[in-house]
Amino acid sequence: MRTPIHLKRHGDSYFHLHPLHAVFSLMASFVLAVLIVLMLVPLAR
């Protein structure tokens, strides 16, 4: 019986199917954190 959502495929690596996906998500989260800090610093003054 097949489930409607196939999360366990491609060697049980649903997230980061490509090595660059991990690098991209890490860089994107870092840039997002920097942008949030840059927005909050002027508000704290």
Protein backbone atom coordinates (compact mmCIF):
# COMPACT_ATOMS: atom_id res chain seq x y z
CA MET A 1 0.00 0.00 0.00
CA ARG A 2 1.43 3.35 -1.04
CA THR A 3 0.94 6.46 1.06
CA PRO A 4 -0.26 9.67 -0.64
CA ILE A 5 2.73 11.64 0.64
CA HIS A 6 6.09 10.08 -0.16
CA LEU A 7 8.47 11.59 2.37
CA LYS A 8 10.83 8.63 2.58
CA ARG A 9 12.35 8.51 -0.88
CA HIS A 10 15.76 9.05 -2.48
CA GLY A 11 17.62 7.16 0.21
CA ASP A 12 15.58 8.63 3.09
CA SER A 13 16.92 12.10 2.34
CA TYR A 14 13.78 14.07 1.53
CA PHE A 15 15.43 17.26 2.70
CA HIS A 16 18.63 18.27 0.90
CA LEU A 17 18.30 16.04 -2.13
CA HIS A 18 21.25 17.89 -3.60
CA PRO A 19 24.37 18.88 -1.60
CA LEU A 20 23.94 22.52 -2.64
CA HIS A 21 20.48 22.60 -1.08
CA ALA A 22 22.04 22.28 2.37
CA VAL A 23 24.51 25.07 1.63
CA PHE A 24 21.80 27.29 0.19
CA SER A 25 19.46 26.79 3.15
CA LEU A 26 22.30 27.49 5.58
CA MET A 27 23.30 30.69 3.78
CA ALA A 28 19.68 31.80 3.41
CA SER A 29 19.01 31.37 7.12
CA PHE A 30 22.22 33.25 7.97
CA VAL A 31 21.32 36.15 5.66
CA LEU A 32 17.81 36.24 7.07
CA ALA A 33 19.16 36.40 10.63
CA VAL A 34 21.53 39.24 9.68
CA LEU A 35 18.69 41.19 8.07
CA ILE A 36 16.50 40.77 11.15
CA VAL A 37 19.31 41.97 13.41
CA LEU A 38 19.94 44.98 11.17
CA MET A 39 16.25 45.87 11.33
CA LEU A 40 16.06 45.50 15.13
CA VAL A 41 19.22 47.46 16.00
CA PRO A 42 17.85 50.91 15.03
CA LEU A 43 14.62 50.17 16.89
CA ALA A 44 16.52 49.40 20.10
CA ARG A 45 18.13 52.84 20.17
